[in-house]
């Protein structure tokens, strides 16, 4: 069984990002370019995003560790970023420049990684020749 290294990297990054939004959504939001402390409703949404990212990242990581087909999890990862980009487009003009560059730029990058991972060829299954036990 061979591991999918790309899935390990992408899954680990998404899992870590999700956990950071669960542990400290205000600090994680600053890392993604928001200068102000979000109101309680926004913090709820940041935690929801953290659960989503931790779940997708963890499942992508697990599939990669097990050598399973990871294309669907890459697509889910890219889809999550596409949802963030689409949601951010409506308030793009109200975001500070730092948040537009980091937040929306990160979403565009994530969509690219998700599409790349989803369109990769399926890794060939390792085959082993069955050898008959020696006769005594």
C-alpha atoms as a PDB file:
ATOM      1  CA  UNK A   1       0.000   0.000   0.000  1.00  0.00           C
ATOM      2  CA  UNK A   2       1.466   3.344  -1.023  1.00  0.00           C
ATOM      3  CA  UNK A   3       0.572   6.643   0.572  1.00  0.00           C
ATOM      4  CA  UNK A   4      -0.598   9.643  -1.433  1.00  0.00           C
ATOM      5  CA  UNK A   5       1.916  12.326  -0.449  1.00  0.00           C
ATOM      6  CA  UNK A   6      -0.024  15.164  -2.088  1.00  0.00           C
ATOM      7  CA  UNK A   7      -3.101  14.189  -0.063  1.00  0.00           C
ATOM      8  CA  UNK A   8      -0.991  14.047   3.098  1.00  0.00           C
ATOM      9  CA  UNK A   9       0.277  17.592   2.544  1.00  0.00           C
ATOM     10  CA  UNK A  10      -3.046  19.113   1.448  1.00  0.00           C
ATOM     11  CA  UNK A  11      -5.012  17.260   4.124  1.00  0.00           C
ATOM     12  CA  UNK A  12      -2.589  18.254   6.872  1.00  0.00           C
ATOM     13  CA  UNK A  13      -2.733  21.923   5.884  1.00  0.00           C
ATOM     14  CA  UNK A  14      -6.550  21.972   5.731  1.00  0.00           C
ATOM     15  CA  UNK A  15      -6.827  20.034   9.014  1.00  0.00           C
ATOM     16  CA  UNK A  16      -4.408  22.414  10.764  1.00  0.00           C
ATOM     17  CA  UNK A  17      -6.263  25.435   9.405  1.00  0.00           C
ATOM     18  CA  UNK A  18      -9.581  24.018  10.579  1.00  0.00           C
ATOM     19  CA  UNK A  19      -8.268  23.256  14.053  1.00  0.00           C
ATOM     20  CA  UNK A  20      -6.832  26.776  14.323  1.00  0.00           C
ATOM     21  CA  UNK A  21     -10.302  28.231  13.613  1.00  0.00           C
ATOM     22  CA  UNK A  22     -11.791  25.978  16.287  1.00  0.00           C
ATOM     23  CA  UNK A  23      -9.187  26.754  18.949  1.00  0.00           C
ATOM     24  CA  UNK A  24      -8.894  30.520  18.422  1.00  0.00           C
ATOM     25  CA  UNK A  25     -11.117  31.883  15.646  1.00  0.00           C
ATOM     26  CA  UNK A  26     -10.106  35.516  16.273  1.00  0.00           C
ATOM     27  CA  UNK A  27      -6.375  34.838  15.902  1.00  0.00           C
ATOM     28  CA  UNK A  28      -6.912  32.541  12.916  1.00  0.00           C
ATOM     29  CA  UNK A  29      -9.010  35.214  11.250  1.00  0.00           C
ATOM     30  CA  UNK A  30      -6.141  37.690  11.686  1.00  0.00           C
ATOM     31  CA  UNK A  31      -3.754  35.248  10.010  1.00  0.00           C
ATOM     32  CA  UNK A  32      -6.105  35.250   7.005  1.00  0.00           C
ATOM     33  CA  UNK A  33      -5.931  39.024   6.751  1.00  0.00           C
ATOM     34  CA  UNK A  34      -8.744  40.436   8.905  1.00  0.00           C
ATOM     35  CA  UNK A  35      -7.449  43.276  11.096  1.00  0.00           C
ATOM     36  CA  UNK A  36     -10.475  43.645  13.409  1.00  0.00           C
ATOM     37  CA  UNK A  37     -12.039  41.374  16.005  1.00  0.00           C
ATOM     38  CA  UNK A  38     -15.141  39.823  14.427  1.00  0.00           C
ATOM     39  CA  UNK A  39     -18.519  40.082  16.134  1.00  0.00           C
ATOM     40  CA  UNK A  40     -20.036  36.955  17.774  1.00  0.00           C
ATOM     41  CA  UNK A  41     -22.004  35.997  14.652  1.00  0.00           C
ATOM     42  CA  UNK A  42     -18.856  36.107  12.539  1.00  0.00           C
ATOM     43  CA  UNK A  43     -17.016  34.058  15.177  1.00  0.00           C
ATOM     44  CA  UNK A  44     -19.741  31.411  14.926  1.00  0.00           C
ATOM     45  CA  UNK A  45     -19.253  31.278  11.163  1.00  0.00           C
ATOM     46  CA  UNK A  46     -15.473  31.067  11.596  1.00  0.00           C
ATOM     47  CA  UNK A  47     -15.904  28.085  13.926  1.00  0.00           C
ATOM     48  CA  UNK A  48     -18.276  26.465  11.424  1.00  0.00           C
ATOM     49  CA  UNK A  49     -15.632  26.917   8.750  1.00  0.00           C
ATOM     50  CA  UNK A  50     -13.139  25.362  11.171  1.00  0.00           C
ATOM     51  CA  UNK A  51     -15.285  22.245  11.604  1.00  0.00           C
ATOM     52  CA  UNK A  52     -15.707  21.970   7.844  1.00  0.00           C
ATOM     53  CA  UNK A  53     -11.999  22.346   7.142  1.00  0.00           C
ATOM     54  CA  UNK A  54     -10.949  19.996   9.937  1.00  0.00           C
ATOM     55  CA  UNK A  55     -13.363  17.351   8.674  1.00  0.00           C
ATOM     56  CA  UNK A  56     -12.362  17.597   5.007  1.00  0.00           C
ATOM     57  CA  UNK A  57      -8.673  17.846   5.874  1.00  0.00           C
ATOM     58  CA  UNK A  58      -8.815  14.903   8.254  1.00  0.00           C
ATOM     59  CA  UNK A  59     -10.620  12.689   5.761  1.00  0.00           C
ATOM     60  CA  UNK A  60      -8.254  13.692   2.936  1.00  0.00           C
ATOM     61  CA  UNK A  61      -5.309  12.929   5.210  1.00  0.00           C
ATOM     62  CA  UNK A  62      -6.784   9.572   6.267  1.00  0.00           C
ATOM     63  CA  UNK A  63      -7.466   8.533   2.669  1.00  0.00           C
ATOM     64  CA  UNK A  64      -3.929   9.532   1.708  1.00  0.00           C
ATOM     65  CA  UNK A  65      -2.421   7.554   4.593  1.00  0.00           C
ATOM     66  CA  UNK A  66      -4.392   4.455   3.608  1.00  0.00           C
ATOM     67  CA  UNK A  67      -3.497   4.732  -0.071  1.00  0.00           C
ATOM     68  CA  UNK A  68      -7.176   5.150  -1.017  1.00  0.00           C
ATOM     69  CA  UNK A  69      -8.483   7.185  -3.934  1.00  0.00           C
ATOM     70  CA  UNK A  70      -8.300  10.806  -2.742  1.00  0.00           C
ATOM     71  CA  UNK A  71      -9.750  12.558  -5.779  1.00  0.00           C
ATOM     72  CA  UNK A  72     -13.185  13.048  -4.197  1.00  0.00           C
ATOM     73  CA  UNK A  73     -11.684  14.604  -1.066  1.00  0.00           C
ATOM     74  CA  UNK A  74      -9.552  16.928  -3.187  1.00  0.00           C
ATOM     75  CA  UNK A  75     -12.740  17.963  -5.003  1.00  0.00           C
ATOM     76  CA  UNK A  76     -14.499  18.566  -1.666  1.00  0.00           C
ATOM     77  CA  UNK A  77     -11.541  20.664  -0.541  1.00  0.00           C
ATOM     78  CA  UNK A  78     -11.612  22.764  -3.705  1.00  0.00           C
ATOM     79  CA  UNK A  79     -15.385  23.064  -3.430  1.00  0.00           C
ATOM     80  CA  UNK A  80     -15.082  24.443   0.090  1.00  0.00           C
ATOM     81  CA  UNK A  81     -12.664  27.075  -1.185  1.00  0.00           C
ATOM     82  CA  UNK A  82     -14.962  27.849  -4.113  1.00  0.00           C
ATOM     83  CA  UNK A  83     -17.804  28.447  -1.643  1.00  0.00           C
ATOM     84  CA  UNK A  84     -15.550  30.802   0.338  1.00  0.00           C
ATOM     85  CA  UNK A  85     -14.585  32.684  -2.823  1.00  0.00           C
ATOM     86  CA  UNK A  86     -18.180  32.982  -3.967  1.00  0.00           C
ATOM     87  CA  UNK A  87     -19.286  34.149  -0.520  1.00  0.00           C
ATOM     88  CA  UNK A  88     -16.428  36.637  -0.359  1.00  0.00           C
ATOM     89  CA  UNK A  89     -17.184  38.079  -3.781  1.00  0.00           C
ATOM     90  CA  UNK A  90     -20.326  39.779  -2.449  1.00  0.00           C
ATOM     91  CA  UNK A  91     -18.380  41.683   0.195  1.00  0.00           C
ATOM     92  CA  UNK A  92     -15.095  42.001  -1.680  1.00  0.00           C
ATOM     93  CA  UNK A  93     -15.392  45.796  -1.879  1.00  0.00           C
ATOM     94  CA  UNK A  94     -15.838  46.047   1.926  1.00  0.00           C
ATOM     95  CA  UNK A  95     -12.764  43.970   2.815  1.00  0.00           C
ATOM     96  CA  UNK A  96      -9.426  45.527   3.688  1.00  0.00           C
ATOM     97  CA  UNK A  97      -6.744  45.009   1.038  1.00  0.00           C
ATOM     98  CA  UNK A  98      -4.882  42.504   3.239  1.00  0.00           C
ATOM     99  CA  UNK A  99      -7.975  40.347   3.585  1.00  0.00           C
ATOM    100  CA  UNK A 100      -8.675  40.457  -0.148  1.00  0.00           C
ATOM    101  CA  UNK A 101      -5.124  39.367  -0.952  1.00  0.00           C
ATOM    102  CA  UNK A 102      -4.729  36.657   1.674  1.00  0.00           C
ATOM    103  CA  UNK A 103      -8.292  35.415   2.091  1.00  0.00           C
ATOM    104  CA  UNK A 104      -9.507  35.490  -1.480  1.00  0.00           C
ATOM    105  CA  UNK A 105      -6.052  34.666  -2.885  1.00  0.00           C
ATOM    106  CA  UNK A 106      -5.905  31.643  -0.600  1.00  0.00           C
ATOM    107  CA  UNK A 107      -9.325  30.527  -1.828  1.00  0.00           C
ATOM    108  CA  UNK A 108      -8.201  30.782  -5.464  1.00  0.00           C
ATOM    109  CA  UNK A 109      -5.067  28.774  -4.665  1.00  0.00           C
ATOM    110  CA  UNK A 110      -7.143  26.182  -2.778  1.00  0.00           C
ATOM    111  CA  UNK A 111      -9.518  25.801  -5.713  1.00  0.00           C
ATOM    112  CA  UNK A 112      -6.537  25.169  -7.980  1.00  0.00           C
ATOM    113  CA  UNK A 113      -5.095  22.534  -5.648  1.00  0.00           C
ATOM    114  CA  UNK A 114      -8.501  20.887  -5.293  1.00  0.00           C
ATOM    115  CA  UNK A 115      -9.027  20.724  -9.054  1.00  0.00           C
ATOM    116  CA  UNK A 116      -5.497  19.455  -9.615  1.00  0.00           C
ATOM    117  CA  UNK A 117      -5.951  16.729  -7.000  1.00  0.00           C
ATOM    118  CA  UNK A 118      -9.394  15.772  -8.298  1.00  0.00           C
ATOM    119  CA  UNK A 119      -8.208  15.372 -11.884  1.00  0.00           C
ATOM    120  CA  UNK A 120      -5.068  13.346 -11.180  1.00  0.00           C
ATOM    121  CA  UNK A 121      -4.943   9.834 -12.518  1.00  0.00           C
ATOM    122  CA  UNK A 122      -5.892   7.208 -10.046  1.00  0.00           C
ATOM    123  CA  UNK A 123      -2.759   5.622  -8.631  1.00  0.00           C
ATOM    124  CA  UNK A 124      -2.272   2.095  -9.915  1.00  0.00           C
ATOM    125  CA  UNK A 125      -3.074  -0.593  -7.411  1.00  0.00           C
ATOM    126  CA  UNK A 126      -0.022  -2.457  -6.324  1.00  0.00           C
ATOM    127  CA  UNK A 127      -0.166  -6.044  -7.477  1.00  0.00           C
ATOM    128  CA  UNK A 128       1.575  -8.940  -5.916  1.00  0.00           C
ATOM    129  CA  UNK A 129       2.147 -12.197  -7.600  1.00  0.00           C
ATOM    130  CA  UNK A 130       0.702 -15.051  -5.707  1.00  0.00           C
ATOM    131  CA  UNK A 131       3.300 -17.688  -5.185  1.00  0.00           C
ATOM    132  CA  UNK A 132       2.283 -21.209  -4.300  1.00  0.00           C
ATOM    133  CA  UNK A 133       3.854 -22.477  -1.096  1.00  0.00           C
ATOM    134  CA  UNK A 134       6.649 -24.976  -1.632  1.00  0.00           C
ATOM    135  CA  UNK A 135       5.647 -28.615  -1.624  1.00  0.00           C
ATOM    136  CA  UNK A 136       7.152 -30.784   1.028  1.00  0.00           C
END
